[in-house]
Protein backbone atom coordinates (compact mmCIF):
# COMPACT_ATOMS: atom_id res chain seq x y z
CA MET A 1 -4.65 22.73 31.79
CA LYS A 2 -2.88 22.81 28.61
CA HIS A 3 -5.74 22.99 25.47
CA LEU A 4 -5.72 20.45 22.91
CA GLN A 5 -6.06 20.94 19.26
CA THR A 6 -9.21 19.48 17.79
CA THR A 7 -9.08 17.05 14.63
CA GLN A 8 -10.32 19.95 12.77
CA GLU A 9 -7.29 22.14 13.49
CA PHE A 10 -4.73 18.75 12.23
CA HIS A 11 -6.80 19.07 9.26
CA THR A 12 -4.91 18.00 5.96
CA PRO A 13 -6.05 17.10 2.19
CA THR A 14 -6.74 14.04 1.75
CA GLN A 15 -5.11 12.02 -1.19
CA LEU A 16 -8.16 12.24 -3.79
CA ALA A 17 -8.16 15.94 -3.38
CA MET A 18 -4.24 16.81 -3.84
CA ILE A 19 -4.66 14.22 -6.82
CA ARG A 20 -7.22 15.88 -8.14
CA GLU A 21 -5.62 19.59 -7.17
CA HIS A 22 -2.15 18.28 -9.09
CA LEU A 23 -5.02 16.66 -12.38
CA GLU A 24 -6.49 20.22 -12.40
CA ARG A 25 -3.22 22.27 -12.44
CA GLU A 26 -0.72 19.50 -13.91
CA GLY A 27 -3.15 18.16 -16.46
CA SER A 28 -1.87 14.17 -16.10
CA ILE A 29 -0.65 12.19 -13.42
CA THR A 30 1.50 8.56 -13.28
CA PRO A 31 1.80 6.31 -10.50
CA LEU A 32 5.27 6.78 -9.77
CA GLU A 33 4.28 10.78 -9.64
CA SER A 34 1.39 9.82 -7.52
CA LEU A 35 3.56 7.45 -5.01
CA ARG A 36 6.09 10.18 -5.07
CA LYS A 37 4.27 13.26 -4.53
CA TYR A 38 1.32 11.77 -2.58
CA SER A 39 2.41 8.35 -1.16
CA CYS A 40 -0.61 7.28 -3.15
CA TYR A 41 -0.19 3.31 -4.06
CA ARG A 42 -3.35 3.19 -5.77
CA LEU A 43 -4.17 5.77 -7.94
CA GLY A 44 -6.39 4.00 -9.89
CA ASP A 45 -9.08 3.71 -7.32
CA VAL A 46 -8.86 7.58 -6.70
CA ILE A 47 -8.87 8.14 -10.47
CA PHE A 48 -12.09 5.30 -10.40
CA LYS A 49 -13.65 7.65 -7.58
CA LEU A 50 -13.05 10.95 -9.51
CA ARG A 51 -14.62 9.49 -12.57
CA GLY A 52 -17.81 8.74 -10.04
CA GLN A 53 -17.43 12.86 -9.62
CA GLY A 54 -17.87 13.50 -12.77
CA TYR A 55 -14.81 14.01 -14.09
CA ASN A 56 -13.71 12.98 -17.44
CA ILE A 57 -10.13 11.35 -17.11
CA GLU A 58 -8.54 9.57 -19.68
CA THR A 59 -6.08 6.81 -19.38
CA THR A 60 -3.32 6.08 -22.15
CA TYR A 61 -0.20 4.42 -22.04
CA LYS A 62 3.38 5.50 -22.46
CA GLU A 63 6.59 3.06 -23.58
CA GLY A 64 9.78 3.85 -21.33
CA ILE A 65 12.78 1.73 -20.36
CA ASN A 66 12.68 0.67 -16.79
CA GLN A 67 15.47 1.24 -14.61
CA PHE A 68 16.98 -2.35 -15.65
CA GLY A 69 17.16 -1.12 -19.29
CA LYS A 70 14.16 -3.05 -20.56
CA PRO A 71 10.69 -1.74 -22.30
CA CYS A 72 8.08 -1.06 -20.03
CA ARG A 73 4.20 0.70 -20.21
CA VAL A 74 3.67 3.52 -18.30
CA THR A 75 0.13 4.41 -17.75
CA VAL A 76 -0.95 8.08 -17.68
CA TYR A 77 -3.86 9.72 -16.86
CA GLU A 78 -4.89 12.81 -18.15
CA LEU A 79 -7.72 15.16 -17.30
CA LYS A 80 -9.73 16.19 -20.21
CA GLY A 81 -12.91 17.65 -18.74
CA LYS A 82 -14.23 18.31 -14.97
CA PRO A 83 -17.83 18.05 -13.80
CA ASN A 84 -20.56 20.89 -13.83
CA ASN A 85 -20.27 21.22 -10.08
CA GLY A 86 -16.38 21.16 -9.78
CA GLY A 87 -16.82 17.28 -8.20
CA GLN A 88 -17.38 19.06 -4.51
CA SER A 89 -20.80 16.93 -4.14
CA ASN A 90 -19.63 14.46 -1.49
CA GLY A 91 -17.36 16.61 0.28
CA ASN A 92 -13.86 15.86 -1.13
């Protein structure tokens, strides 16, 4: 009989964990980066959860030009501080 691998053996990081690591490594992230790198369509929700874990994340906006040559505004989330417990209180 063939051995079946358990879910634990296929464990991959959650989007929340990957984005948290990105912020800790890079310092900031935009919605387009989160979509391209982590397939995350709802970065605002992930940021909300990280803030709930005690992360100090500042939201700023930068002006830019979109692919059609029109002015646009891009949201930038910047990590300003980590919680005292490292954000690991709920296992994410």
